Amino acid sequence: MAARGFLEFLKDELTHTNIDIINIYPGGMKTSFWNDSRSGYNIEAFMKPQDVAQTIAEAALSDNLWVSEININRLRQI
């Protein structure tokens, strides 16, 4: 939450400059971070980092939209 508040503050402060801030909040990703985790999460349901990177790149490079925030969440398995 603190990082989100800080980035929102930066966006407001830089409104009248040529600097754009894009907040990106990816959900769980299959990375080595979870290798020794005892969290109980189903890591197989997590997203591949490549898929997250592709989503971010497509949004950032698009001429058809203005991006201020990207929330990427994994599908929940029932």
PDB file of N, CA and C in Angstrom:
ATOM      1  N   MET A   1       0.810  -1.194   0.000  1.00  0.00           N
ATOM      2  CA  MET A   1       0.000   0.000   0.000  1.00  0.00           C
ATOM      3  C   MET A   1       0.852   1.258   0.000  1.00  0.00           C
ATOM      4  N   ALA A   2       1.978   1.233   0.698  1.00  0.00           N
ATOM      5  CA  ALA A   2       2.832   2.419   0.756  1.00  0.00           C
ATOM      6  C   ALA A   2       3.385   2.758  -0.617  1.00  0.00           C
ATOM      7  N   ALA A   3       3.802   1.732  -1.366  1.00  0.00           N
ATOM      8  CA  ALA A   3       4.333   1.979  -2.707  1.00  0.00           C
ATOM      9  C   ALA A   3       3.261   2.579  -3.605  1.00  0.00           C
ATOM     10  N   ARG A   4       2.057   2.085  -3.494  1.00  0.00           N
ATOM     11  CA  ARG A   4       0.963   2.616  -4.311  1.00  0.00           C
ATOM     12  C   ARG A   4       0.710   4.089  -3.973  1.00  0.00           C
ATOM     13  N   GLY A   5       0.681   4.422  -2.696  1.00  0.00           N
ATOM     14  CA  GLY A   5       0.482   5.809  -2.285  1.00  0.00           C
ATOM     15  C   GLY A   5       1.595   6.710  -2.789  1.00  0.00           C
ATOM     16  N   PHE A   6       2.832   6.230  -2.693  1.00  0.00           N
ATOM     17  CA  PHE A   6       3.970   7.010  -3.173  1.00  0.00           C
ATOM     18  C   PHE A   6       3.874   7.256  -4.677  1.00  0.00           C
ATOM     19  N   LEU A   7       3.529   6.218  -5.442  1.00  0.00           N
ATOM     20  CA  LEU A   7       3.423   6.382  -6.891  1.00  0.00           C
ATOM     21  C   LEU A   7       2.274   7.305  -7.271  1.00  0.00           C
ATOM     22  N   GLU A   8       1.175   7.247  -6.550  1.00  0.00           N
ATOM     23  CA  GLU A   8       0.062   8.166  -6.808  1.00  0.00           C
ATOM     24  C   GLU A   8       0.501   9.608  -6.533  1.00  0.00           C
ATOM     25  N   PHE A   9       1.263   9.803  -5.464  1.00  0.00           N
ATOM     26  CA  PHE A   9       1.803  11.125  -5.143  1.00  0.00           C
ATOM     27  C   PHE A   9       2.698  11.620  -6.282  1.00  0.00           C
ATOM     28  N   LEU A  10       3.602  10.741  -6.764  1.00  0.00           N
ATOM     29  CA  LEU A  10       4.482  11.127  -7.869  1.00  0.00           C
ATOM     30  C   LEU A  10       3.692  11.509  -9.112  1.00  0.00           C
ATOM     31  N   LYS A  11       2.674  10.723  -9.440  1.00  0.00           N
ATOM     32  CA  LYS A  11       1.846  11.049 -10.612  1.00  0.00           C
ATOM     33  C   LYS A  11       1.246  12.434 -10.480  1.00  0.00           C
ATOM     34  N   ASP A  12       0.735  12.759  -9.310  1.00  0.00           N
ATOM     35  CA  ASP A  12       0.137  14.082  -9.084  1.00  0.00           C
ATOM     36  C   ASP A  12       1.188  15.184  -9.190  1.00  0.00           C
ATOM     37  N   GLU A  13       2.345  14.955  -8.606  1.00  0.00           N
ATOM     38  CA  GLU A  13       3.406  15.962  -8.619  1.00  0.00           C
ATOM     39  C   GLU A  13       3.949  16.220 -10.021  1.00  0.00           C
ATOM     40  N   LEU A  14       3.936  15.196 -10.861  1.00  0.00           N
ATOM     41  CA  LEU A  14       4.530  15.307 -12.198  1.00  0.00           C
ATOM     42  C   LEU A  14       3.498  15.542 -13.292  1.00  0.00           C
ATOM     43  N   THR A  15       2.286  15.888 -12.922  1.00  0.00           N
ATOM     44  CA  THR A  15       1.204  16.073 -13.883  1.00  0.00           C
ATOM     45  C   THR A  15       1.564  17.058 -14.990  1.00  0.00           C
ATOM     46  N   HIS A  16       2.227  18.133 -14.669  1.00  0.00           N
ATOM     47  CA  HIS A  16       2.504  19.187 -15.650  1.00  0.00           C
ATOM     48  C   HIS A  16       3.916  19.091 -16.225  1.00  0.00           C
ATOM     49  N   THR A  17       4.450  17.880 -16.252  1.00  0.00           N
ATOM     50  CA  THR A  17       5.767  17.652 -16.848  1.00  0.00           C
ATOM     51  C   THR A  17       5.606  16.634 -17.984  1.00  0.00           C
ATOM     52  N   ASN A  18       6.695  16.320 -18.636  1.00  0.00           N
ATOM     53  CA  ASN A  18       6.640  15.303 -19.692  1.00  0.00           C
ATOM     54  C   ASN A  18       7.006  13.918 -19.160  1.00  0.00           C
ATOM     55  N   ILE A  19       6.934  13.736 -17.850  1.00  0.00           N
ATOM     56  CA  ILE A  19       7.238  12.452 -17.223  1.00  0.00           C
ATOM     57  C   ILE A  19       5.929  11.740 -16.898  1.00  0.00           C
ATOM     58  N   ASP A  20       5.797  10.534 -17.408  1.00  0.00           N
ATOM     59  CA  ASP A  20       4.616   9.720 -17.129  1.00  0.00           C
ATOM     60  C   ASP A  20       4.975   8.629 -16.123  1.00  0.00           C
ATOM     61  N   ILE A  21       4.095   8.403 -15.193  1.00  0.00           N
ATOM     62  CA  ILE A  21       4.253   7.338 -14.206  1.00  0.00           C
ATOM     63  C   ILE A  21       3.170   6.301 -14.469  1.00  0.00           C
ATOM     64  N   ILE A  22       3.573   5.050 -14.625  1.00  0.00           N
ATOM     65  CA  ILE A  22       2.619   3.964 -14.792  1.00  0.00           C
ATOM     66  C   ILE A  22       2.801   3.024 -13.606  1.00  0.00           C
ATOM     67  N   ASN A  23       1.754   2.840 -12.840  1.00  0.00           N
ATOM     68  CA  ASN A  23       1.796   1.924 -11.698  1.00  0.00           C
ATOM     69  C   ASN A  23       1.445   0.529 -12.197  1.00  0.00           C
ATOM     70  N   ILE A  24       2.265  -0.438 -11.852  1.00  0.00           N
ATOM     71  CA  ILE A  24       2.032  -1.817 -12.279  1.00  0.00           C
ATOM     72  C   ILE A  24       1.968  -2.697 -11.039  1.00  0.00           C
ATOM     73  N   TYR A  25       0.869  -3.444 -10.934  1.00  0.00           N
ATOM     74  CA  TYR A  25       0.644  -4.314  -9.773  1.00  0.00           C
ATOM     75  C   TYR A  25       0.361  -5.737 -10.261  1.00  0.00           C
ATOM     76  N   PRO A  26       1.407  -6.519 -10.536  1.00  0.00           N
ATOM     77  CA  PRO A  26       1.152  -7.886 -10.979  1.00  0.00           C
ATOM     78  C   PRO A  26       0.802  -8.789  -9.799  1.00  0.00           C
ATOM     79  N   GLY A  27      -0.056  -9.745 -10.055  1.00  0.00           N
ATOM     80  CA  GLY A  27      -0.387 -10.739  -9.035  1.00  0.00           C
ATOM     81  C   GLY A  27       0.736 -11.764  -8.958  1.00  0.00           C
ATOM     82  N   GLY A  28       0.490 -12.895  -8.342  1.00  0.00           N
ATOM     83  CA  GLY A  28       1.513 -13.916  -8.180  1.00  0.00           C
ATOM     84  C   GLY A  28       2.070 -14.402  -9.507  1.00  0.00           C
ATOM     85  N   MET A  29       3.391 -14.506  -9.573  1.00  0.00           N
ATOM     86  CA  MET A  29       4.056 -14.997 -10.776  1.00  0.00           C
ATOM     87  C   MET A  29       4.945 -16.177 -10.420  1.00  0.00           C
ATOM     88  N   LYS A  30       5.091 -17.094 -11.360  1.00  0.00           N
ATOM     89  CA  LYS A  30       5.957 -18.259 -11.170  1.00  0.00           C
ATOM     90  C   LYS A  30       7.408 -17.809 -11.286  1.00  0.00           C
ATOM     91  N   THR A  31       8.009 -17.493 -10.154  1.00  0.00           N
ATOM     92  CA  THR A  31       9.418 -17.107 -10.121  1.00  0.00           C
ATOM     93  C   THR A  31      10.111 -17.883  -9.004  1.00  0.00           C
ATOM     94  N   SER A  32      11.415 -17.780  -8.957  1.00  0.00           N
ATOM     95  CA  SER A  32      12.179 -18.493  -7.929  1.00  0.00           C
ATOM     96  C   SER A  32      11.899 -17.951  -6.527  1.00  0.00           C
ATOM     97  N   PHE A  33      11.245 -16.799  -6.447  1.00  0.00           N
ATOM     98  CA  PHE A  33      10.876 -16.240  -5.144  1.00  0.00           C
ATOM     99  C   PHE A  33      10.107 -17.255  -4.311  1.00  0.00           C
ATOM    100  N   TRP A  34       9.291 -18.053  -4.954  1.00  0.00           N
ATOM    101  CA  TRP A  34       8.405 -18.990  -4.258  1.00  0.00           C
ATOM    102  C   TRP A  34       9.029 -20.358  -4.024  1.00  0.00           C
ATOM    103  N   ASN A  35      10.260 -20.586  -4.464  1.00  0.00           N
ATOM    104  CA  ASN A  35      10.867 -21.927  -4.377  1.00  0.00           C
ATOM    105  C   ASN A  35      10.863 -22.508  -2.967  1.00  0.00           C
ATOM    106  N   ASP A  36      11.192 -21.712  -1.987  1.00  0.00           N
ATOM    107  CA  ASP A  36      11.259 -22.203  -0.610  1.00  0.00           C
ATOM    108  C   ASP A  36      10.076 -21.745   0.229  1.00  0.00           C
ATOM    109  N   SER A  37       9.028 -21.335  -0.444  1.00  0.00           N
ATOM    110  CA  SER A  37       7.869 -20.786   0.265  1.00  0.00           C
ATOM    111  C   SER A  37       7.018 -21.891   0.880  1.00  0.00           C
ATOM    112  N   ARG A  38       6.537 -21.601   2.054  1.00  0.00           N
ATOM    113  CA  ARG A  38       5.592 -22.502   2.716  1.00  0.00           C
ATOM    114  C   ARG A  38       4.244 -21.802   2.848  1.00  0.00           C
ATOM    115  N   SER A  39       3.942 -20.980   1.857  1.00  0.00           N
ATOM    116  CA  SER A  39       2.752 -20.131   1.912  1.00  0.00           C
ATOM    117  C   SER A  39       1.458 -20.907   1.727  1.00  0.00           C
ATOM    118  N   GLY A  40       1.535 -22.061   1.097  1.00  0.00           N
ATOM    119  CA  GLY A  40       0.328 -22.824   0.823  1.00  0.00           C
ATOM    120  C   GLY A  40      -0.351 -22.417  -0.477  1.00  0.00           C
ATOM    121  N   TYR A  41       0.214 -21.449  -1.199  1.00  0.00           N
ATOM    122  CA  TYR A  41      -0.351 -21.039  -2.481  1.00  0.00           C
ATOM    123  C   TYR A  41      -0.144 -22.131  -3.524  1.00  0.00           C
ATOM    124  N   ASN A  42      -1.096 -22.250  -4.432  1.00  0.00           N
ATOM    125  CA  ASN A  42      -0.939 -23.145  -5.568  1.00  0.00           C
ATOM    126  C   ASN A  42      -0.127 -22.412  -6.622  1.00  0.00           C
ATOM    127  N   ILE A  43       1.167 -22.573  -6.579  1.00  0.00           N
ATOM    128  CA  ILE A  43       2.067 -21.831  -7.450  1.00  0.00           C
ATOM    129  C   ILE A  43       1.843 -22.180  -8.914  1.00  0.00           C
ATOM    130  N   GLU A  44       1.344 -23.360  -9.195  1.00  0.00           N
ATOM    131  CA  GLU A  44       1.059 -23.739 -10.588  1.00  0.00           C
ATOM    132  C   GLU A  44      -0.023 -22.845 -11.201  1.00  0.00           C
ATOM    133  N   ALA A  45      -0.845 -22.222 -10.357  1.00  0.00           N
ATOM    134  CA  ALA A  45      -1.892 -21.323 -10.858  1.00  0.00           C
ATOM    135  C   ALA A  45      -1.349 -19.914 -11.111  1.00  0.00           C
ATOM    136  N   PHE A  46      -0.109 -19.664 -10.719  1.00  0.00           N
ATOM    137  CA  PHE A  46       0.475 -18.339 -10.896  1.00  0.00           C
ATOM    138  C   PHE A  46       0.799 -18.088 -12.372  1.00  0.00           C
ATOM    139  N   MET A  47       0.946 -16.827 -12.717  1.00  0.00           N
ATOM    140  CA  MET A  47       1.229 -16.426 -14.096  1.00  0.00           C
ATOM    141  C   MET A  47       2.708 -16.593 -14.428  1.00  0.00           C
ATOM    142  N   LYS A  48       2.975 -16.800 -15.707  1.00  0.00           N
ATOM    143  CA  LYS A  48       4.352 -16.835 -16.183  1.00  0.00           C
ATOM    144  C   LYS A  48       4.854 -15.393 -16.295  1.00  0.00           C
ATOM    145  N   PRO A  49       6.089 -15.133 -15.859  1.00  0.00           N
ATOM    146  CA  PRO A  49       6.628 -13.776 -15.967  1.00  0.00           C
ATOM    147  C   PRO A  49       6.591 -13.238 -17.401  1.00  0.00           C
ATOM    148  N   GLN A  50       6.772 -14.125 -18.388  1.00  0.00           N
ATOM    149  CA  GLN A  50       6.752 -13.700 -19.782  1.00  0.00           C
ATOM    150  C   GLN A  50       5.381 -13.138 -20.162  1.00  0.00           C
ATOM    151  N   ASP A  51       4.323 -13.751 -19.647  1.00  0.00           N
ATOM    152  CA  ASP A  51       2.966 -13.278 -19.949  1.00  0.00           C
ATOM    153  C   ASP A  51       2.709 -11.907 -19.327  1.00  0.00           C
ATOM    154  N   VAL A  52       3.206 -11.716 -18.116  1.00  0.00           N
ATOM    155  CA  VAL A  52       3.058 -10.415 -17.456  1.00  0.00           C
ATOM    156  C   VAL A  52       3.840  -9.360 -18.231  1.00  0.00           C
ATOM    157  N   ALA A  53       5.075  -9.687 -18.608  1.00  0.00           N
ATOM    158  CA  ALA A  53       5.904  -8.745 -19.363  1.00  0.00           C
ATOM    159  C   ALA A  53       5.260  -8.379 -20.691  1.00  0.00           C
ATOM    160  N   GLN A  54       4.675  -9.354 -21.367  1.00  0.00           N
ATOM    161  CA  GLN A  54       4.028  -9.087 -22.646  1.00  0.00           C
ATOM    162  C   GLN A  54       2.826  -8.152 -22.461  1.00  0.00           C
ATOM    163  N   THR A  55       2.040  -8.366 -21.427  1.00  0.00           N
ATOM    164  CA  THR A  55       0.887  -7.507 -21.155  1.00  0.00           C
ATOM    165  C   THR A  55       1.335  -6.076 -20.884  1.00  0.00           C
ATOM    166  N   ILE A  56       2.384  -5.923 -20.098  1.00  0.00           N
ATOM    167  CA  ILE A  56       2.898  -4.587 -19.782  1.00  0.00           C
ATOM    168  C   ILE A  56       3.428  -3.909 -21.040  1.00  0.00           C
ATOM    169  N   ALA A  57       4.212  -4.637 -21.830  1.00  0.00           N
ATOM    170  CA  ALA A  57       4.785  -4.059 -23.047  1.00  0.00           C
ATOM    171  C   ALA A  57       3.697  -3.640 -24.029  1.00  0.00           C
ATOM    172  N   GLU A  58       2.692  -4.478 -24.220  1.00  0.00           N
ATOM    173  CA  GLU A  58       1.611  -4.140 -25.141  1.00  0.00           C
ATOM    174  C   GLU A  58       0.867  -2.884 -24.688  1.00  0.00           C
ATOM    175  N   ALA A  59       0.617  -2.770 -23.397  1.00  0.00           N
ATOM    176  CA  ALA A  59      -0.087  -1.592 -22.885  1.00  0.00           C
ATOM    177  C   ALA A  59       0.779  -0.343 -23.016  1.00  0.00           C
ATOM    178  N   ALA A  60       2.052  -0.470 -22.667  1.00  0.00           N
ATOM    179  CA  ALA A  60       2.949   0.690 -22.694  1.00  0.00           C
ATOM    180  C   ALA A  60       3.239   1.179 -24.105  1.00  0.00           C
ATOM    181  N   LEU A  61       3.243   0.273 -25.071  1.00  0.00           N
ATOM    182  CA  LEU A  61       3.585   0.641 -26.444  1.00  0.00           C
ATOM    183  C   LEU A  61       2.376   0.981 -27.303  1.00  0.00           C
ATOM    184  N   SER A  62       1.191   0.842 -26.772  1.00  0.00           N
ATOM    185  CA  SER A  62      -0.011   1.088 -27.544  1.00  0.00           C
ATOM    186  C   SER A  62      -0.202   2.585 -27.806  1.00  0.00           C
ATOM    187  N   ASP A  63      -0.560   2.922 -29.035  1.00  0.00           N
ATOM    188  CA  ASP A  63      -0.889   4.303 -29.387  1.00  0.00           C
ATOM    189  C   ASP A  63      -2.366   4.585 -29.183  1.00  0.00           C
ATOM    190  N   ASN A  64      -3.138   3.549 -28.878  1.00  0.00           N
ATOM    191  CA  ASN A  64      -4.592   3.689 -28.823  1.00  0.00           C
ATOM    192  C   ASN A  64      -5.150   3.885 -27.428  1.00  0.00           C
ATOM    193  N   LEU A  65      -4.287   3.932 -26.422  1.00  0.00           N
ATOM    194  CA  LEU A  65      -4.808   4.102 -25.072  1.00  0.00           C
ATOM    195  C   LEU A  65      -3.809   4.829 -24.205  1.00  0.00           C
ATOM    196  N   TRP A  66      -4.333   5.383 -23.147  1.00  0.00           N
ATOM    197  CA  TRP A  66      -3.513   6.053 -22.142  1.00  0.00           C
ATOM    198  C   TRP A  66      -3.509   5.166 -20.918  1.00  0.00           C
ATOM    199  N   VAL A  67      -2.355   4.771 -20.458  1.00  0.00           N
ATOM    200  CA  VAL A  67      -2.235   3.837 -19.346  1.00  0.00           C
ATOM    201  C   VAL A  67      -1.761   4.591 -18.110  1.00  0.00           C
ATOM    202  N   SER A  68      -2.497   4.448 -17.021  1.00  0.00           N
ATOM    203  CA  SER A  68      -2.050   5.056 -15.774  1.00  0.00           C
ATOM    204  C   SER A  68      -1.779   3.997 -14.714  1.00  0.00           C
ATOM    205  N   GLU A  69      -2.386   2.834 -14.882  1.00  0.00           N
ATOM    206  CA  GLU A  69      -2.250   1.788 -13.882  1.00  0.00           C
ATOM    207  C   GLU A  69      -2.537   0.450 -14.549  1.00  0.00           C
ATOM    208  N   ILE A  70      -1.768  -0.554 -14.187  1.00  0.00           N
ATOM    209  CA  ILE A  70      -1.986  -1.901 -14.710  1.00  0.00           C
ATOM    210  C   ILE A  70      -2.108  -2.847 -13.527  1.00  0.00           C
ATOM    211  N   ASN A  71      -3.240  -3.501 -13.412  1.00  0.00           N
ATOM    212  CA  ASN A  71      -3.450  -4.543 -12.407  1.00  0.00           C
ATOM    213  C   ASN A  71      -3.545  -5.872 -13.138  1.00  0.00           C
ATOM    214  N   ILE A  72      -2.675  -6.787 -12.826  1.00  0.00           N
ATOM    215  CA  ILE A  72      -2.673  -8.093 -13.480  1.00  0.00           C
ATOM    216  C   ILE A  72      -2.871  -9.143 -12.399  1.00  0.00           C
ATOM    217  N   ASN A  73      -3.954  -9.863 -12.479  1.00  0.00           N
ATOM    218  CA  ASN A  73      -4.264 -10.871 -11.469  1.00  0.00           C
ATOM    219  C   ASN A  73      -4.372 -12.240 -12.107  1.00  0.00           C
ATOM    220  N   ARG A  74      -3.911 -13.229 -11.389  1.00  0.00           N
ATOM    221  CA  ARG A  74      -4.024 -14.602 -11.881  1.00  0.00           C
ATOM    222  C   ARG A  74      -5.463 -15.060 -11.725  1.00  0.00           C
ATOM    223  N   LEU A  75      -5.839 -16.032 -12.534  1.00  0.00           N
ATOM    224  CA  LEU A  75      -7.169 -16.604 -12.401  1.00  0.00           C
ATOM    225  C   LEU A  75      -7.219 -17.435 -11.136  1.00  0.00           C
ATOM    226  N   ARG A  76      -8.307 -17.334 -10.445  1.00  0.00           N
ATOM    227  CA  ARG A  76      -8.465 -18.133  -9.222  1.00  0.00           C
ATOM    228  C   ARG A  76      -9.013 -19.505  -9.589  1.00  0.00           C
ATOM    229  N   GLN A  77      -8.392 -20.515  -9.053  1.00  0.00           N
ATOM    230  CA  GLN A  77      -8.901 -21.869  -9.291  1.00  0.00           C
ATOM    231  C   GLN A  77      -9.885 -22.221  -8.205  1.00  0.00           C
ATOM    232  N   ILE A  78     -10.999 -22.755  -8.612  1.00  0.00           N
ATOM    233  CA  ILE A  78     -12.041 -23.128  -7.653  1.00  0.00           C
ATOM    234  C   ILE A  78     -11.962 -24.601  -7.355  1.00  0.00           C
TER     235      ILE A  78
END
